[in-house]
Amino acid sequence: MALDINREIASIRNRQGDNYLAIAQRKIQDSLNQITTSTAAPAASTATPAATSTATNTAVIPSPIAPAPLVVGGNAIVVGGAWPSINIGADPATTTAEGVVKLAQDLGGTADLPKVRGLQAVPVSATAPIDGQLLTYVTADSQWEAKAPAYDLVSSFVGNPGDGATVMILTFTRSVTFAANFSGSQGTVGTNPTATATYTVNKNGSSVGTIQISTAGAFTFATSGGAAVSFAAGDRLTITAPSPQDATLADVGITLAGTR
C-alpha cells in the first residue's frame, strides 16, 4: 500500500486553506507512525503459514514543499525546505493599527528599552533632572533642559523714600534661591538720584546684598561675597532705602530674579 504524501498535502491544503502546512505535518507524521507499526517484526509462531506474502508498505517521501506564498497582514510568508520555514513581516504602525516602529528622531534606545530622546524633533538634554525642576527649552543650547522654575520678587515705591525706610517685606512660603549678584535682576527709576543711592537687601535682619543706582539711573546688583543667596520657607526678606535720604531719588522699581 503506497502513501502518496504529496497528494495528502494537496488535499489538506484545499480543505484547510492557510493552516494546511501545520495540518499536513501532523498528517504525515501520523502516517509514518502507522507505517512503522505495520512493518514491525511479527511475534514468533510455530504454525506453518499457508502462503508467503512479499508485499511491503512503502511511503512516498515528498520532495521539498514549495507552495505559493501565503499573505499575512500584507506581507508574504516565505516557505522553503522539506518542512516549512516561516518568516512573517509586519506593516509600519499607524494611528489606528499596531505595527513596526522605527527608533528614530524623537524615539531612541532599543526595542526592549525604548527612550524618548526629543520633543517635536528638538533633542532633550541627557542630564538627569532633580526634584522640582521643569522641562524648559533653552535657545542657547537648542535643546530641552531641566530647569528650576522662576520666582521673581517685585518691589516698587512711589515717590521719594524716607531715610533708611523699609520699602519691602516678604515672608517666603517655599525655598527660593537668588543667583550670585542677583543675576538676571532688573530695576528702573523715575527720577535719578543726586548721588549714588544704595538699597540694602536683608535676610532675617542681616544684610545679604545691595542694589546701587547711579546718577545716570544705572542699576548694579551685588550679593555678599558674590555668592548665591537662599531663603527657606518662613525666612523674611526686607529691602531698605538709602540712608541718608537722597533729595531727588523717586519712583524706584526693582525685580529680583530667583528660582524655586
C-alpha atoms as a PDB file:
ATOM      1  CA  MET A   1       0.000   0.000   0.000  1.00  0.00           C
ATOM      2  CA  ALA A   2       1.637   3.273  -1.101  1.00  0.00           C
ATOM      3  CA  LEU A   3       1.084   6.515   0.806  1.00  0.00           C
ATOM      4  CA  ASP A   4       1.171   9.473  -1.572  1.00  0.00           C
ATOM      5  CA  ILE A   5       2.073  12.284   0.845  1.00  0.00           C
ATOM      6  CA  ASN A   6       2.111  14.957  -1.859  1.00  0.00           C
ATOM      7  CA  ARG A   7      -1.488  14.136  -2.673  1.00  0.00           C
ATOM      8  CA  GLU A   8      -2.360  14.207   1.035  1.00  0.00           C
ATOM      9  CA  ILE A   9      -0.830  17.692   1.356  1.00  0.00           C
ATOM     10  CA  ALA A  10      -2.738  18.991  -1.664  1.00  0.00           C
ATOM     11  CA  SER A  11      -5.988  17.565  -0.282  1.00  0.00           C
ATOM     12  CA  ILE A  12      -5.424  19.161   3.145  1.00  0.00           C
ATOM     13  CA  ARG A  13      -4.498  22.464   1.579  1.00  0.00           C
ATOM     14  CA  ASN A  14      -7.736  22.548  -0.418  1.00  0.00           C
ATOM     15  CA  ARG A  15      -9.776  21.834   2.731  1.00  0.00           C
ATOM     16  CA  GLN A  16      -7.897  23.906   5.308  1.00  0.00           C
ATOM     17  CA  GLY A  17      -6.533  26.963   3.460  1.00  0.00           C
ATOM     18  CA  ASP A  18      -3.725  28.874   5.224  1.00  0.00           C
ATOM     19  CA  ASN A  19      -3.471  26.329   8.052  1.00  0.00           C
ATOM     20  CA  TYR A  20      -2.614  23.459   5.691  1.00  0.00           C
ATOM     21  CA  LEU A  21       1.121  23.386   6.475  1.00  0.00           C
ATOM     22  CA  ALA A  22       0.774  22.596  10.178  1.00  0.00           C
ATOM     23  CA  ILE A  23      -2.039  20.095   9.497  1.00  0.00           C
ATOM     24  CA  ALA A  24      -0.010  18.421   6.720  1.00  0.00           C
ATOM     25  CA  GLN A  25       2.946  17.981   9.043  1.00  0.00           C
ATOM     26  CA  ARG A  26       0.794  16.262  11.647  1.00  0.00           C
ATOM     27  CA  LYS A  27      -0.897  14.092   8.950  1.00  0.00           C
ATOM     28  CA  ILE A  28       2.468  12.967   7.528  1.00  0.00           C
ATOM     29  CA  GLN A  29       3.870  12.142  10.969  1.00  0.00           C
ATOM     30  CA  ASP A  30       0.772  10.119  11.862  1.00  0.00           C
ATOM     31  CA  SER A  31       1.084   8.194   8.574  1.00  0.00           C
ATOM     32  CA  LEU A  32       4.770   7.466   9.120  1.00  0.00           C
ATOM     33  CA  ASN A  33       4.000   6.233  12.642  1.00  0.00           C
ATOM     34  CA  GLN A  34       1.414   3.843  11.164  1.00  0.00           C
ATOM     35  CA  ILE A  35       3.941   2.589   8.612  1.00  0.00           C
ATOM     36  CA  THR A  36       6.483   1.916  11.365  1.00  0.00           C
ATOM     37  CA  THR A  37       3.895  -0.015  13.371  1.00  0.00           C
ATOM     38  CA  SER A  38       2.713  -2.092  10.398  1.00  0.00           C
ATOM     39  CA  THR A  39       6.254  -3.144   9.407  1.00  0.00           C
ATOM     40  CA  ALA A  40       7.301  -4.236  12.919  1.00  0.00           C
ATOM     41  CA  ALA A  41       8.524  -7.833  13.222  1.00  0.00           C
ATOM     42  CA  PRO A  42       5.624 -10.271  13.972  1.00  0.00           C
ATOM     43  CA  ALA A  43       5.590 -12.452  17.065  1.00  0.00           C
ATOM     44  CA  ALA A  44       7.189 -15.906  16.687  1.00  0.00           C
ATOM     45  CA  SER A  45       4.824 -18.654  15.585  1.00  0.00           C
ATOM     46  CA  THR A  46       5.244 -22.395  15.123  1.00  0.00           C
ATOM     47  CA  ALA A  47       2.407 -22.606  12.649  1.00  0.00           C
ATOM     48  CA  THR A  48       3.292 -23.054   9.004  1.00  0.00           C
ATOM     49  CA  PRO A  49       1.818 -20.178   7.022  1.00  0.00           C
ATOM     50  CA  ALA A  50      -0.452 -21.138   4.199  1.00  0.00           C
ATOM     51  CA  ALA A  51       1.234 -18.685   1.913  1.00  0.00           C
ATOM     52  CA  THR A  52       4.097 -16.232   1.952  1.00  0.00           C
ATOM     53  CA  SER A  53       3.399 -12.601   1.172  1.00  0.00           C
ATOM     54  CA  THR A  54       6.110 -10.376  -0.229  1.00  0.00           C
ATOM     55  CA  ALA A  55       4.021  -7.194  -0.091  1.00  0.00           C
ATOM     56  CA  THR A  56       5.533  -4.330   1.882  1.00  0.00           C
ATOM     57  CA  ASN A  57       4.268  -0.922   2.814  1.00  0.00           C
ATOM     58  CA  THR A  58       6.111   1.855   1.006  1.00  0.00           C
ATOM     59  CA  ALA A  59       5.996   5.564   1.915  1.00  0.00           C
ATOM     60  CA  VAL A  60       6.370   8.086  -0.874  1.00  0.00           C
ATOM     61  CA  ILE A  61       8.506  10.841   0.683  1.00  0.00           C
ATOM     62  CA  PRO A  62       7.760  14.222  -0.834  1.00  0.00           C
ATOM     63  CA  SER A  63      10.287  16.491  -2.394  1.00  0.00           C
ATOM     64  CA  PRO A  64      10.740  19.908  -0.683  1.00  0.00           C
ATOM     65  CA  ILE A  65       7.410  21.699  -0.429  1.00  0.00           C
ATOM     66  CA  ALA A  66       7.233  24.867  -2.482  1.00  0.00           C
ATOM     67  CA  PRO A  67       3.626  26.108  -2.421  1.00  0.00           C
ATOM     68  CA  ALA A  68       2.607  29.611  -3.370  1.00  0.00           C
ATOM     69  CA  PRO A  69       3.432  32.073  -0.540  1.00  0.00           C
ATOM     70  CA  LEU A  70       0.692  32.900   1.916  1.00  0.00           C
ATOM     71  CA  VAL A  71      -0.029  36.543   2.780  1.00  0.00           C
ATOM     72  CA  VAL A  72      -0.481  37.786   6.347  1.00  0.00           C
ATOM     73  CA  GLY A  73      -1.043  41.489   7.060  1.00  0.00           C
ATOM     74  CA  GLY A  74       0.113  42.456   3.590  1.00  0.00           C
ATOM     75  CA  ASN A  75       3.405  40.538   3.923  1.00  0.00           C
ATOM     76  CA  ALA A  76       4.379  37.177   2.398  1.00  0.00           C
ATOM     77  CA  ILE A  77       5.085  34.056   4.425  1.00  0.00           C
ATOM     78  CA  VAL A  78       8.213  32.584   2.854  1.00  0.00           C
ATOM     79  CA  VAL A  79       8.157  28.753   2.693  1.00  0.00           C
ATOM     80  CA  GLY A  80      11.202  26.650   1.866  1.00  0.00           C
ATOM     81  CA  GLY A  81      12.858  23.302   2.622  1.00  0.00           C
ATOM     82  CA  ALA A  82      11.333  19.898   3.202  1.00  0.00           C
ATOM     83  CA  TRP A  83       9.459  21.334   6.181  1.00  0.00           C
ATOM     84  CA  PRO A  84       8.145  24.874   6.071  1.00  0.00           C
ATOM     85  CA  SER A  85      10.298  27.657   7.475  1.00  0.00           C
ATOM     86  CA  ILE A  86       8.076  30.692   8.047  1.00  0.00           C
ATOM     87  CA  ASN A  87       9.164  34.331   8.271  1.00  0.00           C
ATOM     88  CA  ILE A  88       6.356  36.786   8.976  1.00  0.00           C
ATOM     89  CA  GLY A  89       6.961  40.505   8.413  1.00  0.00           C
ATOM     90  CA  ALA A  90       4.895  43.410   9.750  1.00  0.00           C
ATOM     91  CA  ASP A  91       3.488  46.657   8.422  1.00  0.00           C
ATOM     92  CA  PRO A  92       4.543  50.052   9.838  1.00  0.00           C
ATOM     93  CA  ALA A  93       2.463  51.247  12.767  1.00  0.00           C
ATOM     94  CA  THR A  94      -0.239  53.838  12.079  1.00  0.00           C
ATOM     95  CA  THR A  95      -2.523  55.961  14.238  1.00  0.00           C
ATOM     96  CA  THR A  96      -5.133  53.202  14.044  1.00  0.00           C
ATOM     97  CA  ALA A  97      -3.129  49.971  13.784  1.00  0.00           C
ATOM     98  CA  GLU A  98      -0.241  48.318  15.589  1.00  0.00           C
ATOM     99  CA  GLY A  99       2.940  47.600  13.654  1.00  0.00           C
ATOM    100  CA  VAL A 100       6.684  48.157  13.371  1.00  0.00           C
ATOM    101  CA  VAL A 101       8.039  51.376  14.913  1.00  0.00           C
ATOM    102  CA  LYS A 102      11.432  52.750  13.848  1.00  0.00           C
ATOM    103  CA  LEU A 103      13.653  54.043  16.654  1.00  0.00           C
ATOM    104  CA  ALA A 104      14.487  57.392  15.062  1.00  0.00           C
ATOM    105  CA  GLN A 105      14.171  61.157  15.570  1.00  0.00           C
ATOM    106  CA  ASP A 106      12.317  61.626  18.913  1.00  0.00           C
ATOM    107  CA  LEU A 107      12.484  57.906  19.798  1.00  0.00           C
ATOM    108  CA  GLY A 108      15.695  56.083  20.640  1.00  0.00           C
ATOM    109  CA  GLY A 109      17.046  53.336  22.876  1.00  0.00           C
ATOM    110  CA  THR A 110      16.346  49.716  21.991  1.00  0.00           C
ATOM    111  CA  ALA A 111      13.294  47.615  21.208  1.00  0.00           C
ATOM    112  CA  ASP A 112      13.323  46.299  24.786  1.00  0.00           C
ATOM    113  CA  LEU A 113      14.047  49.700  26.354  1.00  0.00           C
ATOM    114  CA  PRO A 114      12.806  52.493  24.068  1.00  0.00           C
ATOM    115  CA  LYS A 115      13.512  56.035  25.222  1.00  0.00           C
ATOM    116  CA  VAL A 116      12.085  59.425  24.296  1.00  0.00           C
ATOM    117  CA  ARG A 117      15.109  61.497  23.361  1.00  0.00           C
ATOM    118  CA  GLY A 118      13.374  64.524  21.815  1.00  0.00           C
ATOM    119  CA  LEU A 119      10.152  66.506  21.549  1.00  0.00           C
ATOM    120  CA  GLN A 120       8.944  67.900  18.232  1.00  0.00           C
ATOM    121  CA  ALA A 121      12.320  66.983  16.699  1.00  0.00           C
ATOM    122  CA  VAL A 122      14.154  69.008  19.377  1.00  0.00           C
ATOM    123  CA  PRO A 123      16.599  66.945  21.487  1.00  0.00           C
ATOM    124  CA  VAL A 124      16.228  66.536  25.257  1.00  0.00           C
ATOM    125  CA  SER A 125      19.340  67.021  27.398  1.00  0.00           C
ATOM    126  CA  ALA A 126      20.830  63.802  28.734  1.00  0.00           C
ATOM    127  CA  THR A 127      21.401  65.455  32.143  1.00  0.00           C
ATOM    128  CA  ALA A 128      19.039  63.911  34.675  1.00  0.00           C
ATOM    129  CA  PRO A 129      16.616  66.334  36.397  1.00  0.00           C
ATOM    130  CA  ILE A 130      16.375  66.859  40.147  1.00  0.00           C
ATOM    131  CA  ASP A 131      13.335  67.298  42.340  1.00  0.00           C
ATOM    132  CA  GLY A 132      11.186  70.305  41.430  1.00  0.00           C
ATOM    133  CA  GLN A 133      12.769  71.079  38.058  1.00  0.00           C
ATOM    134  CA  LEU A 134      10.722  71.669  34.906  1.00  0.00           C
ATOM    135  CA  LEU A 135      11.466  70.790  31.280  1.00  0.00           C
ATOM    136  CA  THR A 136      12.402  74.073  29.611  1.00  0.00           C
ATOM    137  CA  TYR A 137      13.556  74.938  26.099  1.00  0.00           C
ATOM    138  CA  VAL A 138      16.946  76.700  26.182  1.00  0.00           C
ATOM    139  CA  THR A 139      17.553  78.671  22.996  1.00  0.00           C
ATOM    140  CA  ALA A 140      21.302  78.993  23.606  1.00  0.00           C
ATOM    141  CA  ASP A 141      21.676  75.189  23.700  1.00  0.00           C
ATOM    142  CA  SER A 142      18.953  74.389  21.110  1.00  0.00           C
ATOM    143  CA  GLN A 143      17.534  71.677  23.369  1.00  0.00           C
ATOM    144  CA  TRP A 144      15.139  70.890  26.211  1.00  0.00           C
ATOM    145  CA  GLU A 145      16.744  71.046  29.660  1.00  0.00           C
ATOM    146  CA  ALA A 146      15.642  70.544  33.265  1.00  0.00           C
ATOM    147  CA  LYS A 147      15.478  73.939  34.964  1.00  0.00           C
ATOM    148  CA  ALA A 148      14.223  75.219  38.295  1.00  0.00           C
ATOM    149  CA  PRO A 149      11.014  77.257  37.888  1.00  0.00           C
ATOM    150  CA  ALA A 150      11.378  81.035  38.075  1.00  0.00           C
ATOM    151  CA  TYR A 151      10.463  83.007  41.184  1.00  0.00           C
ATOM    152  CA  ASP A 152      10.530  86.777  40.574  1.00  0.00           C
ATOM    153  CA  LEU A 153      10.257  89.121  43.531  1.00  0.00           C
ATOM    154  CA  VAL A 154       8.874  92.599  42.738  1.00  0.00           C
ATOM    155  CA  SER A 155       9.337  95.745  44.833  1.00  0.00           C
ATOM    156  CA  SER A 156       8.172  99.278  43.981  1.00  0.00           C
ATOM    157  CA  PHE A 157       7.906 102.543  45.851  1.00  0.00           C
ATOM    158  CA  VAL A 158       6.143 105.626  44.537  1.00  0.00           C
ATOM    159  CA  GLY A 159       7.825 108.915  45.402  1.00  0.00           C
ATOM    160  CA  ASN A 160      10.933 109.621  47.431  1.00  0.00           C
ATOM    161  CA  PRO A 161      11.523 107.058  50.213  1.00  0.00           C
ATOM    162  CA  GLY A 162      12.469 108.281  53.657  1.00  0.00           C
ATOM    163  CA  ASP A 163      15.888 107.916  55.253  1.00  0.00           C
ATOM    164  CA  GLY A 164      16.547 104.138  55.584  1.00  0.00           C
ATOM    165  CA  ALA A 165      12.839 103.370  55.114  1.00  0.00           C
ATOM    166  CA  THR A 166      11.736  99.757  54.636  1.00  0.00           C
ATOM    167  CA  VAL A 167      10.275  99.594  51.142  1.00  0.00           C
ATOM    168  CA  MET A 168       9.593  95.845  51.024  1.00  0.00           C
ATOM    169  CA  ILE A 169       8.847  92.944  53.396  1.00  0.00           C
ATOM    170  CA  LEU A 170       8.350  89.355  52.203  1.00  0.00           C
ATOM    171  CA  THR A 171       7.949  86.107  54.157  1.00  0.00           C
ATOM    172  CA  PHE A 172       8.742  83.089  51.983  1.00  0.00           C
ATOM    173  CA  THR A 173       6.364  80.129  51.712  1.00  0.00           C
ATOM    174  CA  ARG A 174       8.866  77.912  49.888  1.00  0.00           C
ATOM    175  CA  SER A 175      12.598  77.614  49.280  1.00  0.00           C
ATOM    176  CA  VAL A 176      13.912  80.256  46.858  1.00  0.00           C
ATOM    177  CA  THR A 177      17.445  80.916  45.613  1.00  0.00           C
ATOM    178  CA  PHE A 178      18.865  84.078  44.071  1.00  0.00           C
ATOM    179  CA  ALA A 179      21.927  83.635  41.876  1.00  0.00           C
ATOM    180  CA  ALA A 180      25.275  85.241  42.613  1.00  0.00           C
ATOM    181  CA  ASN A 181      24.991  89.046  42.447  1.00  0.00           C
ATOM    182  CA  PHE A 182      21.248  88.652  41.841  1.00  0.00           C
ATOM    183  CA  SER A 183      21.992  87.687  38.220  1.00  0.00           C
ATOM    184  CA  GLY A 184      19.036  88.360  35.918  1.00  0.00           C
ATOM    185  CA  SER A 185      17.514  91.022  38.187  1.00  0.00           C
ATOM    186  CA  GLN A 186      16.355  94.390  36.819  1.00  0.00           C
ATOM    187  CA  GLY A 187      15.468  97.871  38.081  1.00  0.00           C
ATOM    188  CA  THR A 188      14.080 101.191  36.872  1.00  0.00           C
ATOM    189  CA  VAL A 189      13.938 104.664  38.391  1.00  0.00           C
ATOM    190  CA  GLY A 190      11.545 107.549  37.726  1.00  0.00           C
ATOM    191  CA  THR A 191      13.891 110.316  38.897  1.00  0.00           C
ATOM    192  CA  ASN A 192      17.624 109.689  39.141  1.00  0.00           C
ATOM    193  CA  PRO A 193      19.359 110.296  42.467  1.00  0.00           C
ATOM    194  CA  THR A 194      21.589 113.295  43.140  1.00  0.00           C
ATOM    195  CA  ALA A 195      24.360 110.916  44.304  1.00  0.00           C
ATOM    196  CA  THR A 196      24.770 107.148  44.034  1.00  0.00           C
ATOM    197  CA  ALA A 197      21.964 105.626  46.076  1.00  0.00           C
ATOM    198  CA  THR A 198      22.268 102.221  47.771  1.00  0.00           C
ATOM    199  CA  TYR A 199      19.392  99.934  48.773  1.00  0.00           C
ATOM    200  CA  THR A 200      20.119  97.057  51.179  1.00  0.00           C
ATOM    201  CA  VAL A 201      18.685  93.529  50.870  1.00  0.00           C
ATOM    202  CA  ASN A 202      18.355  91.728  54.219  1.00  0.00           C
ATOM    203  CA  LYS A 203      17.694  88.120  55.231  1.00  0.00           C
ATOM    204  CA  ASN A 204      16.136  87.794  58.674  1.00  0.00           C
ATOM    205  CA  GLY A 205      17.544  91.243  59.568  1.00  0.00           C
ATOM    206  CA  SER A 206      21.088  90.734  58.257  1.00  0.00           C
ATOM    207  CA  SER A 207      22.429  92.220  55.022  1.00  0.00           C
ATOM    208  CA  VAL A 208      22.930  89.733  52.169  1.00  0.00           C
ATOM    209  CA  GLY A 209      23.301  92.165  49.269  1.00  0.00           C
ATOM    210  CA  THR A 210      22.929  95.663  47.858  1.00  0.00           C
ATOM    211  CA  ILE A 211      21.312  97.462  44.921  1.00  0.00           C
ATOM    212  CA  GLN A 212      23.035 100.633  43.764  1.00  0.00           C
ATOM    213  CA  ILE A 213      21.517 103.292  41.489  1.00  0.00           C
ATOM    214  CA  SER A 214      23.893 105.700  39.772  1.00  0.00           C
ATOM    215  CA  THR A 215      23.159 109.351  38.985  1.00  0.00           C
ATOM    216  CA  ALA A 216      22.562 108.177  35.407  1.00  0.00           C
ATOM    217  CA  GLY A 217      19.921 105.671  36.562  1.00  0.00           C
ATOM    218  CA  ALA A 218      22.079 102.531  36.077  1.00  0.00           C
ATOM    219  CA  PHE A 219      21.496  99.629  38.492  1.00  0.00           C
ATOM    220  CA  THR A 220      24.227  97.440  39.999  1.00  0.00           C
ATOM    221  CA  PHE A 221      23.211  94.316  41.945  1.00  0.00           C
ATOM    222  CA  ALA A 222      25.578  92.564  44.356  1.00  0.00           C
ATOM    223  CA  THR A 223      25.330  89.708  46.854  1.00  0.00           C
ATOM    224  CA  SER A 224      27.571  89.312  49.902  1.00  0.00           C
ATOM    225  CA  GLY A 225      30.803  87.705  48.762  1.00  0.00           C
ATOM    226  CA  GLY A 226      29.410  87.349  45.240  1.00  0.00           C
ATOM    227  CA  ALA A 227      27.655  84.126  46.301  1.00  0.00           C
ATOM    228  CA  ALA A 228      24.145  82.855  45.692  1.00  0.00           C
ATOM    229  CA  VAL A 229      21.603  83.589  48.427  1.00  0.00           C
ATOM    230  CA  SER A 230      18.969  81.067  49.510  1.00  0.00           C
ATOM    231  CA  PHE A 231      15.822  81.567  51.567  1.00  0.00           C
ATOM    232  CA  ALA A 232      13.808  78.786  53.210  1.00  0.00           C
ATOM    233  CA  ALA A 233      10.095  78.728  53.924  1.00  0.00           C
ATOM    234  CA  GLY A 234       9.473  81.125  56.811  1.00  0.00           C
ATOM    235  CA  ASP A 235      12.541  83.328  56.128  1.00  0.00           C
ATOM    236  CA  ARG A 236      11.961  87.095  55.974  1.00  0.00           C
ATOM    237  CA  LEU A 237      13.383  89.343  53.243  1.00  0.00           C
ATOM    238  CA  THR A 238      13.400  93.114  53.590  1.00  0.00           C
ATOM    239  CA  ILE A 239      14.697  95.912  51.363  1.00  0.00           C
ATOM    240  CA  THR A 240      15.632  99.251  52.940  1.00  0.00           C
ATOM    241  CA  ALA A 241      16.042 102.609  51.200  1.00  0.00           C
ATOM    242  CA  PRO A 242      19.268 104.637  51.102  1.00  0.00           C
ATOM    243  CA  SER A 243      20.469 106.388  54.223  1.00  0.00           C
ATOM    244  CA  PRO A 244      20.812 109.317  54.285  1.00  0.00           C
ATOM    245  CA  GLN A 245      17.789 110.089  52.098  1.00  0.00           C
ATOM    246  CA  ASP A 246      18.570 111.252  48.560  1.00  0.00           C
ATOM    247  CA  ALA A 247      16.941 114.563  47.683  1.00  0.00           C
ATOM    248  CA  THR A 248      15.778 113.627  44.180  1.00  0.00           C
ATOM    249  CA  LEU A 249      15.531 109.829  44.021  1.00  0.00           C
ATOM    250  CA  ALA A 250      11.951 108.786  43.275  1.00  0.00           C
ATOM    251  CA  ASP A 251       9.685 106.048  41.873  1.00  0.00           C
ATOM    252  CA  VAL A 252      12.037 103.089  42.074  1.00  0.00           C
ATOM    253  CA  GLY A 253      11.005  99.637  40.814  1.00  0.00           C
ATOM    254  CA  ILE A 254      13.093  96.538  41.495  1.00  0.00           C
ATOM    255  CA  THR A 255      12.616  92.914  40.383  1.00  0.00           C
ATOM    256  CA  LEU A 256      14.879  90.257  41.901  1.00  0.00           C
ATOM    257  CA  ALA A 257      15.141  87.140  39.721  1.00  0.00           C
ATOM    258  CA  GLY A 258      15.134  83.922  41.729  1.00  0.00           C
ATOM    259  CA  THR A 259      14.334  80.245  41.256  1.00  0.00           C
ATOM    260  CA  ARG A 260      12.474  77.763  43.435  1.00  0.00           C
END
